[in-house]
Amino acid sequence: MDIRDNLKQRLIGAVVLLLIGIAFFPLVFNAAGYEERKLESRIPAAPEVARVVQTEMPPPVKIEQTPVAPVTETPVVSAPVAEITESLEALRPSLNPAEEAPTLDADQVPAAWALQLASFRQESNARELRARLIDAGYRVYIRHGEDVVRVFVGPEMQRGRLEELKLLLQQEYGLEGMIVRFTTQ
């Protein structure tokens, strides 16, 4: 019975392989290559190039050069020195970097400061204030608390800059801010 079972298994295996071959034969040998070779070209023939015979050449164009007068004087532009000096003075930092050097906290991380301007219960109000301040050129961000949304300006490494900014924003927007330690959370 071992020989019969073995023969039976071989015949069943051969039939299964034959059925698989019949199923995959059309997929592999579908004559697609034969059809590709029989395709006609749809590329149009090259157009004929008409040749124009020119019998007479046009006269050459003459370009006249006009002499440029030499520059005898160097133009001098006078700048208003007083206005430039005032502008530079306005841009000069009013802080002394030696006095306002960034401090390190207990973890040896530089301490940064932010100016908390307002707290709102409605986020839309905070976003509106943030948009107005960003349009005015300030660096502004929002933090969400438990029941409030806070609007901050900063951060700055020098607390003195925020003190000046606090006065400026109080004059421009009427906002009483408070300087707080900047955190990333």
N, C-alpha and C. Protein backbone atom coordinates (compact mmCIF):
# COMPACT_ATOMS: atom_id res chain seq x y z
N MET A 1 0.82 -1.19 0.00
CA MET A 1 0.00 0.00 0.00
C MET A 1 0.86 1.25 0.00
N ASP A 2 2.04 1.13 0.40
CA ASP A 2 2.92 2.29 0.39
C ASP A 2 3.19 2.75 -1.03
N ILE A 3 3.37 1.85 -1.93
CA ILE A 3 3.67 2.20 -3.31
C ILE A 3 2.45 2.85 -3.96
N ARG A 4 1.28 2.33 -3.66
CA ARG A 4 0.04 2.89 -4.22
C ARG A 4 -0.21 4.30 -3.67
N ASP A 5 -0.01 4.49 -2.40
CA ASP A 5 -0.20 5.82 -1.80
C ASP A 5 0.81 6.82 -2.39
N ASN A 6 2.03 6.34 -2.57
CA ASN A 6 3.07 7.19 -3.13
C ASN A 6 2.72 7.58 -4.57
N LEU A 7 2.25 6.60 -5.37
CA LEU A 7 1.86 6.85 -6.75
C LEU A 7 0.65 7.78 -6.81
N LYS A 8 -0.27 7.55 -5.90
CA LYS A 8 -1.47 8.39 -5.84
C LYS A 8 -1.10 9.85 -5.53
N GLN A 9 -0.19 10.07 -4.59
CA GLN A 9 0.24 11.43 -4.24
C GLN A 9 0.97 12.10 -5.41
N ARG A 10 1.78 11.34 -6.12
CA ARG A 10 2.49 11.88 -7.27
C ARG A 10 1.52 12.28 -8.38
N LEU A 11 0.50 11.46 -8.62
CA LEU A 11 -0.48 11.78 -9.66
C LEU A 11 -1.30 13.02 -9.28
N ILE A 12 -1.68 13.10 -8.02
CA ILE A 12 -2.43 14.27 -7.57
C ILE A 12 -1.56 15.53 -7.69
N GLY A 13 -0.29 15.45 -7.34
CA GLY A 13 0.63 16.57 -7.47
C GLY A 13 0.81 17.00 -8.91
N ALA A 14 0.90 16.01 -9.82
CA ALA A 14 1.07 16.32 -11.24
C ALA A 14 -0.18 17.02 -11.78
N VAL A 15 -1.36 16.56 -11.35
CA VAL A 15 -2.61 17.17 -11.81
C VAL A 15 -2.70 18.61 -11.28
N VAL A 16 -2.32 18.83 -10.04
CA VAL A 16 -2.36 20.18 -9.47
C VAL A 16 -1.40 21.09 -10.23
N LEU A 17 -0.17 20.62 -10.50
CA LEU A 17 0.79 21.42 -11.26
C LEU A 17 0.28 21.71 -12.67
N LEU A 18 -0.37 20.74 -13.29
CA LEU A 18 -0.92 20.93 -14.62
C LEU A 18 -2.02 21.99 -14.60
N LEU A 19 -2.89 21.98 -13.59
CA LEU A 19 -3.96 22.98 -13.48
C LEU A 19 -3.38 24.37 -13.23
N ILE A 20 -2.38 24.44 -12.42
CA ILE A 20 -1.73 25.73 -12.17
C ILE A 20 -1.08 26.24 -13.46
N GLY A 21 -0.43 25.36 -14.19
CA GLY A 21 0.18 25.74 -15.46
C GLY A 21 -0.87 26.22 -16.45
N ILE A 22 -2.00 25.55 -16.51
CA ILE A 22 -3.07 25.97 -17.43
C ILE A 22 -3.61 27.34 -17.02
N ALA A 23 -3.69 27.61 -15.73
CA ALA A 23 -4.21 28.89 -15.27
C ALA A 23 -3.23 30.03 -15.56
N PHE A 24 -1.93 29.79 -15.44
CA PHE A 24 -0.94 30.85 -15.61
C PHE A 24 -0.40 30.95 -17.03
N PHE A 25 -0.60 29.97 -17.86
CA PHE A 25 -0.09 29.98 -19.22
C PHE A 25 -0.60 31.19 -20.01
N PRO A 26 -1.90 31.53 -19.98
CA PRO A 26 -2.36 32.70 -20.73
C PRO A 26 -1.79 34.02 -20.18
N LEU A 27 -1.49 34.06 -18.90
CA LEU A 27 -0.94 35.29 -18.34
C LEU A 27 0.49 35.53 -18.81
N VAL A 28 1.26 34.46 -18.92
CA VAL A 28 2.66 34.58 -19.30
C VAL A 28 2.81 34.69 -20.82
N PHE A 29 2.10 33.87 -21.54
CA PHE A 29 2.22 33.84 -22.99
C PHE A 29 0.95 34.42 -23.62
N ASN A 30 0.77 35.71 -23.54
CA ASN A 30 -0.44 36.31 -24.05
C ASN A 30 -0.23 36.97 -25.41
N ALA A 31 0.91 36.83 -26.01
CA ALA A 31 1.25 37.35 -27.34
C ALA A 31 1.29 38.86 -27.37
N ALA A 32 1.53 39.47 -26.25
CA ALA A 32 1.61 40.93 -26.21
C ALA A 32 2.80 41.42 -27.03
N GLY A 33 3.89 40.70 -26.99
CA GLY A 33 5.06 41.09 -27.77
C GLY A 33 4.78 41.02 -29.26
N TYR A 34 4.01 40.04 -29.68
CA TYR A 34 3.66 39.90 -31.10
C TYR A 34 2.82 41.08 -31.54
N GLU A 35 1.89 41.49 -30.69
CA GLU A 35 1.03 42.62 -31.03
C GLU A 35 1.84 43.91 -31.07
N GLU A 36 2.83 44.05 -30.23
CA GLU A 36 3.65 45.26 -30.24
C GLU A 36 4.42 45.39 -31.55
N ARG A 37 4.86 44.30 -32.09
CA ARG A 37 5.62 44.35 -33.33
C ARG A 37 4.75 44.71 -34.51
N LYS A 38 3.44 44.47 -34.41
CA LYS A 38 2.56 44.74 -35.53
C LYS A 38 1.99 46.16 -35.49
N LEU A 39 2.31 46.96 -34.47
CA LEU A 39 1.78 48.31 -34.38
C LEU A 39 2.34 49.17 -35.50
N GLU A 40 1.47 50.01 -36.03
CA GLU A 40 1.90 50.90 -37.08
C GLU A 40 2.38 52.20 -36.46
N SER A 41 3.30 52.82 -37.11
CA SER A 41 3.84 54.07 -36.62
C SER A 41 2.84 55.18 -36.84
N ARG A 42 2.62 55.98 -35.81
CA ARG A 42 1.71 57.11 -35.92
C ARG A 42 2.48 58.42 -36.04
N ILE A 43 3.77 58.31 -36.21
CA ILE A 43 4.60 59.50 -36.36
C ILE A 43 4.47 59.98 -37.79
N PRO A 44 4.10 61.24 -37.99
CA PRO A 44 3.93 61.72 -39.37
C PRO A 44 5.28 61.83 -40.07
N ALA A 45 5.20 61.82 -41.38
CA ALA A 45 6.42 61.92 -42.17
C ALA A 45 7.00 63.31 -42.00
N ALA A 46 8.28 63.42 -42.20
CA ALA A 46 8.96 64.71 -42.05
C ALA A 46 8.47 65.67 -43.12
N PRO A 47 8.21 66.92 -42.74
CA PRO A 47 7.73 67.87 -43.73
C PRO A 47 8.84 68.25 -44.70
N GLU A 48 8.40 68.64 -45.89
CA GLU A 48 9.38 69.06 -46.88
C GLU A 48 9.83 70.48 -46.55
N VAL A 49 11.09 70.70 -46.69
CA VAL A 49 11.64 72.01 -46.41
C VAL A 49 11.78 72.75 -47.73
N ALA A 50 11.11 73.88 -47.78
CA ALA A 50 11.19 74.68 -49.00
C ALA A 50 12.41 75.58 -48.91
N ARG A 51 13.13 75.66 -49.97
CA ARG A 51 14.32 76.49 -49.99
C ARG A 51 14.01 77.78 -50.75
N VAL A 52 14.37 78.87 -50.12
CA VAL A 52 14.18 80.18 -50.74
C VAL A 52 15.53 80.64 -51.25
N VAL A 53 15.54 80.95 -52.48
CA VAL A 53 16.78 81.42 -53.09
C VAL A 53 16.76 82.93 -53.06
N GLN A 54 17.76 83.50 -52.42
CA GLN A 54 17.84 84.95 -52.30
C GLN A 54 18.77 85.45 -53.39
N THR A 55 18.23 86.33 -54.18
CA THR A 55 19.01 86.79 -55.32
C THR A 55 19.84 88.02 -55.00
N GLU A 56 19.34 88.88 -54.13
CA GLU A 56 20.04 90.12 -53.87
C GLU A 56 20.22 90.30 -52.36
N MET A 57 21.38 90.67 -51.94
CA MET A 57 21.67 90.87 -50.51
C MET A 57 21.26 92.29 -50.12
N PRO A 58 20.66 92.46 -48.91
CA PRO A 58 20.31 93.82 -48.48
C PRO A 58 21.58 94.60 -48.15
N PRO A 59 21.51 95.92 -48.23
CA PRO A 59 22.72 96.70 -47.93
C PRO A 59 23.07 96.58 -46.45
N PRO A 60 24.34 96.63 -46.10
CA PRO A 60 24.74 96.51 -44.70
C PRO A 60 24.30 97.74 -43.90
N VAL A 61 24.01 97.49 -42.63
CA VAL A 61 23.56 98.56 -41.75
C VAL A 61 24.79 99.23 -41.16
N LYS A 62 24.80 100.58 -41.20
CA LYS A 62 25.92 101.32 -40.65
C LYS A 62 25.54 101.82 -39.27
N ILE A 63 26.40 101.58 -38.33
CA ILE A 63 26.18 102.04 -36.97
C ILE A 63 27.16 103.16 -36.69
N GLU A 64 26.60 104.30 -36.34
CA GLU A 64 27.46 105.44 -36.04
C GLU A 64 27.68 105.51 -34.54
N GLN A 65 28.90 105.75 -34.17
CA GLN A 65 29.24 105.89 -32.76
C GLN A 65 29.43 107.37 -32.45
N THR A 66 28.72 107.79 -31.42
CA THR A 66 28.88 109.19 -31.00
C THR A 66 29.89 109.21 -29.86
N PRO A 67 30.81 110.15 -29.89
CA PRO A 67 31.82 110.20 -28.81
C PRO A 67 31.19 110.66 -27.50
N VAL A 68 31.63 110.07 -26.42
CA VAL A 68 31.15 110.40 -25.09
C VAL A 68 32.08 111.44 -24.50
N ALA A 69 31.47 112.48 -23.95
CA ALA A 69 32.28 113.54 -23.37
C ALA A 69 32.93 113.03 -22.09
N PRO A 70 34.21 113.29 -21.89
CA PRO A 70 34.88 112.81 -20.68
C PRO A 70 34.36 113.57 -19.45
N VAL A 71 34.31 112.86 -18.34
CA VAL A 71 33.84 113.44 -17.09
C VAL A 71 34.99 114.22 -16.48
N THR A 72 34.74 115.49 -16.28
CA THR A 72 35.80 116.34 -15.73
C THR A 72 35.65 116.51 -14.23
N GLU A 73 34.41 116.44 -13.73
CA GLU A 73 34.17 116.59 -12.30
C GLU A 73 33.60 115.31 -11.72
N THR A 74 33.97 115.01 -10.51
CA THR A 74 33.39 113.88 -9.80
C THR A 74 32.16 114.39 -9.06
N PRO A 75 31.00 113.81 -9.33
CA PRO A 75 29.81 114.30 -8.64
C PRO A 75 29.90 114.00 -7.14
N VAL A 76 29.52 114.98 -6.35
CA VAL A 76 29.57 114.85 -4.90
C VAL A 76 28.14 114.91 -4.38
N VAL A 77 27.78 113.92 -3.62
CA VAL A 77 26.46 113.88 -3.00
C VAL A 77 26.65 114.13 -1.52
N SER A 78 25.99 115.13 -1.03
CA SER A 78 26.14 115.43 0.39
C SER A 78 24.99 114.79 1.16
N ALA A 79 25.32 114.07 2.18
CA ALA A 79 24.32 113.42 3.02
C ALA A 79 24.13 114.24 4.28
N PRO A 80 22.91 114.29 4.76
CA PRO A 80 22.66 115.04 6.00
C PRO A 80 23.27 114.29 7.18
N VAL A 81 24.40 114.73 7.62
CA VAL A 81 25.15 114.05 8.68
C VAL A 81 24.37 114.04 9.98
N ALA A 82 23.68 115.10 10.28
CA ALA A 82 22.94 115.17 11.55
C ALA A 82 21.84 114.12 11.60
N GLU A 83 21.13 113.94 10.48
CA GLU A 83 20.05 112.94 10.45
C GLU A 83 20.60 111.53 10.58
N ILE A 84 21.70 111.26 9.92
CA ILE A 84 22.30 109.92 10.00
C ILE A 84 22.78 109.64 11.41
N THR A 85 23.39 110.63 12.03
CA THR A 85 23.87 110.45 13.40
C THR A 85 22.71 110.19 14.35
N GLU A 86 21.62 110.93 14.18
CA GLU A 86 20.45 110.70 15.04
C GLU A 86 19.88 109.31 14.83
N SER A 87 19.82 108.86 13.57
CA SER A 87 19.30 107.52 13.28
C SER A 87 20.17 106.45 13.92
N LEU A 88 21.48 106.62 13.84
CA LEU A 88 22.38 105.64 14.44
C LEU A 88 22.26 105.65 15.96
N GLU A 89 22.09 106.80 16.54
CA GLU A 89 21.93 106.88 18.00
C GLU A 89 20.64 106.18 18.43
N ALA A 90 19.60 106.30 17.63
CA ALA A 90 18.33 105.65 17.97
C ALA A 90 18.47 104.13 17.90
N LEU A 91 19.33 103.65 17.01
CA LEU A 91 19.52 102.21 16.87
C LEU A 91 20.49 101.63 17.89
N ARG A 92 21.28 102.45 18.51
CA ARG A 92 22.28 101.98 19.48
C ARG A 92 21.57 101.38 20.68
N PRO A 93 21.99 100.22 21.13
CA PRO A 93 21.34 99.62 22.30
C PRO A 93 21.56 100.47 23.54
N SER A 94 20.49 100.59 24.31
CA SER A 94 20.59 101.42 25.50
C SER A 94 21.02 100.62 26.72
N LEU A 95 21.27 99.34 26.55
CA LEU A 95 21.64 98.50 27.67
C LEU A 95 23.14 98.29 27.70
N ASN A 96 23.65 98.10 28.87
CA ASN A 96 25.05 97.80 29.03
C ASN A 96 25.18 96.27 29.10
N PRO A 97 25.80 95.65 28.11
CA PRO A 97 25.88 94.18 28.10
C PRO A 97 26.60 93.61 29.31
N ALA A 98 27.53 94.35 29.87
CA ALA A 98 28.26 93.85 31.04
C ALA A 98 27.33 93.76 32.24
N GLU A 99 26.42 94.73 32.36
CA GLU A 99 25.49 94.70 33.49
C GLU A 99 24.35 93.72 33.27
N GLU A 100 23.95 93.52 32.01
CA GLU A 100 22.81 92.68 31.70
C GLU A 100 23.23 91.33 31.12
N ALA A 101 24.33 90.80 31.52
CA ALA A 101 24.77 89.50 31.03
C ALA A 101 23.77 88.43 31.46
N PRO A 102 23.45 87.47 30.58
CA PRO A 102 22.50 86.42 30.95
C PRO A 102 23.00 85.64 32.16
N THR A 103 22.09 85.33 33.03
CA THR A 103 22.44 84.57 34.23
C THR A 103 22.11 83.10 34.01
N LEU A 104 22.76 82.25 34.77
CA LEU A 104 22.50 80.81 34.69
C LEU A 104 21.69 80.39 35.90
N ASP A 105 20.78 79.44 35.66
CA ASP A 105 19.98 78.95 36.79
C ASP A 105 20.71 77.79 37.47
N ALA A 106 20.03 77.08 38.35
CA ALA A 106 20.65 75.99 39.12
C ALA A 106 21.11 74.85 38.22
N ASP A 107 20.46 74.68 37.07
CA ASP A 107 20.84 73.62 36.13
C ASP A 107 21.86 74.09 35.10
N GLN A 108 22.43 75.27 35.32
CA GLN A 108 23.41 75.87 34.42
C GLN A 108 22.83 76.15 33.03
N VAL A 109 21.54 76.51 33.00
CA VAL A 109 20.86 76.89 31.77
C VAL A 109 20.66 78.39 31.82
N PRO A 110 20.92 79.11 30.72
CA PRO A 110 20.71 80.56 30.75
C PRO A 110 19.25 80.90 31.05
N ALA A 111 19.04 81.87 31.89
CA ALA A 111 17.70 82.29 32.27
C ALA A 111 17.16 83.23 31.20
N ALA A 112 15.98 82.93 30.72
CA ALA A 112 15.31 83.78 29.73
C ALA A 112 14.03 84.31 30.36
N TRP A 113 13.57 85.45 29.84
CA TRP A 113 12.42 86.12 30.40
C TRP A 113 11.39 86.39 29.32
N ALA A 114 10.13 86.44 29.70
CA ALA A 114 9.03 86.76 28.79
C ALA A 114 8.13 87.78 29.46
N LEU A 115 7.40 88.51 28.66
CA LEU A 115 6.48 89.51 29.16
C LEU A 115 5.06 88.99 28.97
N GLN A 116 4.38 88.67 30.08
CA GLN A 116 3.00 88.20 29.99
C GLN A 116 2.12 89.44 29.91
N LEU A 117 1.42 89.58 28.79
CA LEU A 117 0.63 90.79 28.56
C LEU A 117 -0.81 90.66 29.02
N ALA A 118 -1.42 89.52 28.75
CA ALA A 118 -2.85 89.40 29.06
C ALA A 118 -3.22 87.93 29.22
N SER A 119 -4.35 87.72 29.91
CA SER A 119 -4.94 86.39 30.06
C SER A 119 -6.40 86.50 29.64
N PHE A 120 -6.84 85.57 28.81
CA PHE A 120 -8.21 85.59 28.31
C PHE A 120 -8.89 84.26 28.56
N ARG A 121 -10.18 84.31 28.78
CA ARG A 121 -10.96 83.07 28.89
C ARG A 121 -11.29 82.54 27.49
N GLN A 122 -11.47 83.43 26.53
CA GLN A 122 -11.78 83.01 25.16
C GLN A 122 -10.51 83.08 24.31
N GLU A 123 -10.24 81.99 23.64
CA GLU A 123 -9.03 81.90 22.84
C GLU A 123 -9.05 82.88 21.67
N SER A 124 -10.24 83.19 21.15
CA SER A 124 -10.33 84.11 20.02
C SER A 124 -9.79 85.49 20.38
N ASN A 125 -10.03 85.93 21.62
CA ASN A 125 -9.51 87.22 22.05
C ASN A 125 -7.98 87.20 22.11
N ALA A 126 -7.43 86.10 22.61
CA ALA A 126 -5.97 85.97 22.68
C ALA A 126 -5.36 85.95 21.28
N ARG A 127 -6.00 85.25 20.37
CA ARG A 127 -5.49 85.19 18.99
C ARG A 127 -5.56 86.57 18.31
N GLU A 128 -6.60 87.33 18.61
CA GLU A 128 -6.73 88.66 18.03
C GLU A 128 -5.62 89.58 18.52
N LEU A 129 -5.34 89.55 19.82
CA LEU A 129 -4.25 90.36 20.37
C LEU A 129 -2.91 89.91 19.80
N ARG A 130 -2.72 88.60 19.71
CA ARG A 130 -1.47 88.08 19.14
C ARG A 130 -1.29 88.57 17.71
N ALA A 131 -2.35 88.53 16.90
CA ALA A 131 -2.26 88.98 15.51
C ALA A 131 -1.91 90.47 15.43
N ARG A 132 -2.51 91.30 16.28
CA ARG A 132 -2.21 92.73 16.28
C ARG A 132 -0.75 92.98 16.64
N LEU A 133 -0.25 92.25 17.63
CA LEU A 133 1.14 92.45 18.06
C LEU A 133 2.14 91.93 17.02
N ILE A 134 1.81 90.82 16.38
CA ILE A 134 2.69 90.30 15.33
C ILE A 134 2.75 91.27 14.16
N ASP A 135 1.58 91.85 13.80
CA ASP A 135 1.57 92.84 12.72
C ASP A 135 2.41 94.06 13.08
N ALA A 136 2.51 94.37 14.37
CA ALA A 136 3.32 95.51 14.81
C ALA A 136 4.80 95.15 14.90
N GLY A 137 5.16 93.88 14.68
CA GLY A 137 6.56 93.48 14.64
C GLY A 137 7.10 92.84 15.91
N TYR A 138 6.24 92.45 16.83
CA TYR A 138 6.69 91.83 18.08
C TYR A 138 6.71 90.31 17.94
N ARG A 139 7.57 89.66 18.73
CA ARG A 139 7.59 88.20 18.81
C ARG A 139 6.59 87.79 19.88
N VAL A 140 5.52 87.15 19.48
CA VAL A 140 4.41 86.87 20.39
C VAL A 140 4.08 85.38 20.32
N TYR A 141 3.72 84.82 21.46
CA TYR A 141 3.25 83.44 21.50
C TYR A 141 2.14 83.32 22.53
N ILE A 142 1.38 82.23 22.42
CA ILE A 142 0.22 81.98 23.29
C ILE A 142 0.46 80.68 24.05
N ARG A 143 0.07 80.66 25.31
CA ARG A 143 0.11 79.44 26.13
C ARG A 143 -1.28 79.18 26.68
N HIS A 144 -1.69 77.92 26.64
CA HIS A 144 -2.99 77.53 27.17
C HIS A 144 -2.83 77.05 28.60
N GLY A 145 -3.63 77.63 29.50
CA GLY A 145 -3.64 77.21 30.89
C GLY A 145 -4.88 76.36 31.14
N GLU A 146 -5.23 76.18 32.42
CA GLU A 146 -6.40 75.36 32.73
C GLU A 146 -7.68 76.02 32.23
N ASP A 147 -7.91 77.28 32.59
CA ASP A 147 -9.12 77.97 32.18
C ASP A 147 -8.85 79.22 31.36
N VAL A 148 -7.58 79.55 31.15
CA VAL A 148 -7.24 80.80 30.47
C VAL A 148 -6.23 80.56 29.36
N VAL A 149 -6.17 81.54 28.47
CA VAL A 149 -5.17 81.56 27.40
C VAL A 149 -4.35 82.82 27.61
N ARG A 150 -3.04 82.66 27.78
CA ARG A 150 -2.17 83.79 28.09
C ARG A 150 -1.39 84.20 26.83
N VAL A 151 -1.16 85.50 26.71
CA VAL A 151 -0.42 86.07 25.59
C VAL A 151 0.91 86.59 26.13
N PHE A 152 2.01 86.14 25.52
CA PHE A 152 3.36 86.51 25.95
C PHE A 152 4.11 87.18 24.80
N VAL A 153 5.04 88.05 25.14
CA VAL A 153 5.99 88.64 24.21
C VAL A 153 7.38 88.22 24.66
N GLY A 154 8.20 87.83 23.74
CA GLY A 154 9.55 87.41 24.10
C GLY A 154 9.87 86.07 23.47
N PRO A 155 10.75 85.35 24.01
CA PRO A 155 11.57 85.56 25.19
C PRO A 155 12.78 86.43 24.90
N GLU A 156 13.34 86.96 25.96
CA GLU A 156 14.56 87.77 25.91
C GLU A 156 15.53 87.24 26.96
N MET A 157 16.81 87.32 26.64
CA MET A 157 17.84 86.89 27.59
C MET A 157 18.13 87.99 28.61
N GLN A 158 17.87 89.24 28.23
CA GLN A 158 18.15 90.36 29.12
C GLN A 158 16.84 90.94 29.63
N ARG A 159 16.67 90.90 30.90
CA ARG A 159 15.43 91.36 31.53
C ARG A 159 15.20 92.86 31.29
N GLY A 160 16.27 93.62 31.20
CA GLY A 160 16.16 95.06 30.98
C GLY A 160 15.45 95.40 29.68
N ARG A 161 15.67 94.62 28.65
CA ARG A 161 14.99 94.86 27.37
C ARG A 161 13.48 94.69 27.54
N LEU A 162 13.09 93.69 28.32
CA LEU A 162 11.65 93.49 28.54
C LEU A 162 11.06 94.61 29.38
N GLU A 163 11.84 95.18 30.28
CA GLU A 163 11.34 96.31 31.08
C GLU A 163 11.03 97.49 30.16
N GLU A 164 11.92 97.76 29.20
CA GLU A 164 11.67 98.84 28.23
C GLU A 164 10.48 98.50 27.35
N LEU A 165 10.41 97.26 26.93
CA LEU A 165 9.30 96.81 26.08
C LEU A 165 7.98 96.90 26.82
N LYS A 166 8.00 96.61 28.10
CA LYS A 166 6.79 96.69 28.92
C LYS A 166 6.25 98.12 28.93
N LEU A 167 7.13 99.10 29.10
CA LEU A 167 6.72 100.50 29.09
C LEU A 167 6.19 100.91 27.71
N LEU A 168 6.86 100.45 26.68
CA LEU A 168 6.44 100.79 25.32
C LEU A 168 5.06 100.22 25.01
N LEU A 169 4.82 98.95 25.37
CA LEU A 169 3.53 98.33 25.11
C LEU A 169 2.43 98.94 25.98
N GLN A 170 2.80 99.41 27.16
CA GLN A 170 1.82 100.06 28.02
C GLN A 170 1.38 101.38 27.38
N GLN A 171 2.32 102.10 26.77
CA GLN A 171 1.97 103.36 26.10
C GLN A 171 1.16 103.11 24.83
N GLU A 172 1.56 102.11 24.03
CA GLU A 172 0.91 101.86 22.75
C GLU A 172 -0.45 101.19 22.89
N TYR A 173 -0.55 100.18 23.74
CA TYR A 173 -1.76 99.37 23.81
C TYR A 173 -2.50 99.47 25.14
N GLY A 174 -1.91 100.13 26.11
CA GLY A 174 -2.55 100.25 27.41
C GLY A 174 -2.59 98.94 28.17
N LEU A 175 -1.63 98.06 27.92
CA LEU A 175 -1.58 96.74 28.57
C LEU A 175 -0.55 96.76 29.68
N GLU A 176 -0.98 96.40 30.87
CA GLU A 176 -0.06 96.26 32.01
C GLU A 176 0.46 94.83 31.99
N GLY A 177 1.69 94.64 31.64
CA GLY A 177 2.25 93.31 31.60
C GLY A 177 3.08 93.02 32.82
N MET A 178 3.46 91.75 32.94
CA MET A 178 4.38 91.39 34.03
C MET A 178 5.45 90.47 33.46
N ILE A 179 6.65 90.65 33.93
CA ILE A 179 7.80 89.88 33.46
C ILE A 179 7.85 88.59 34.24
N VAL A 180 7.91 87.47 33.49
CA VAL A 180 7.96 86.14 34.10
C VAL A 180 9.11 85.38 33.50
N ARG A 181 9.51 84.35 34.19
CA ARG A 181 10.58 83.47 33.70
C ARG A 181 10.06 82.66 32.53
N PHE A 182 10.81 82.61 31.45
CA PHE A 182 10.41 81.86 30.26
C PHE A 182 10.65 80.38 30.49
N THR A 183 9.64 79.57 30.19
CA THR A 183 9.77 78.12 30.23
C THR A 183 9.27 77.54 28.92
N THR A 184 9.69 76.34 28.63
CA THR A 184 9.29 75.71 27.37
C THR A 184 8.00 74.92 27.51
N GLN A 185 7.39 74.94 28.66
CA GLN A 185 6.17 74.16 28.88
C GLN A 185 4.97 75.03 29.02
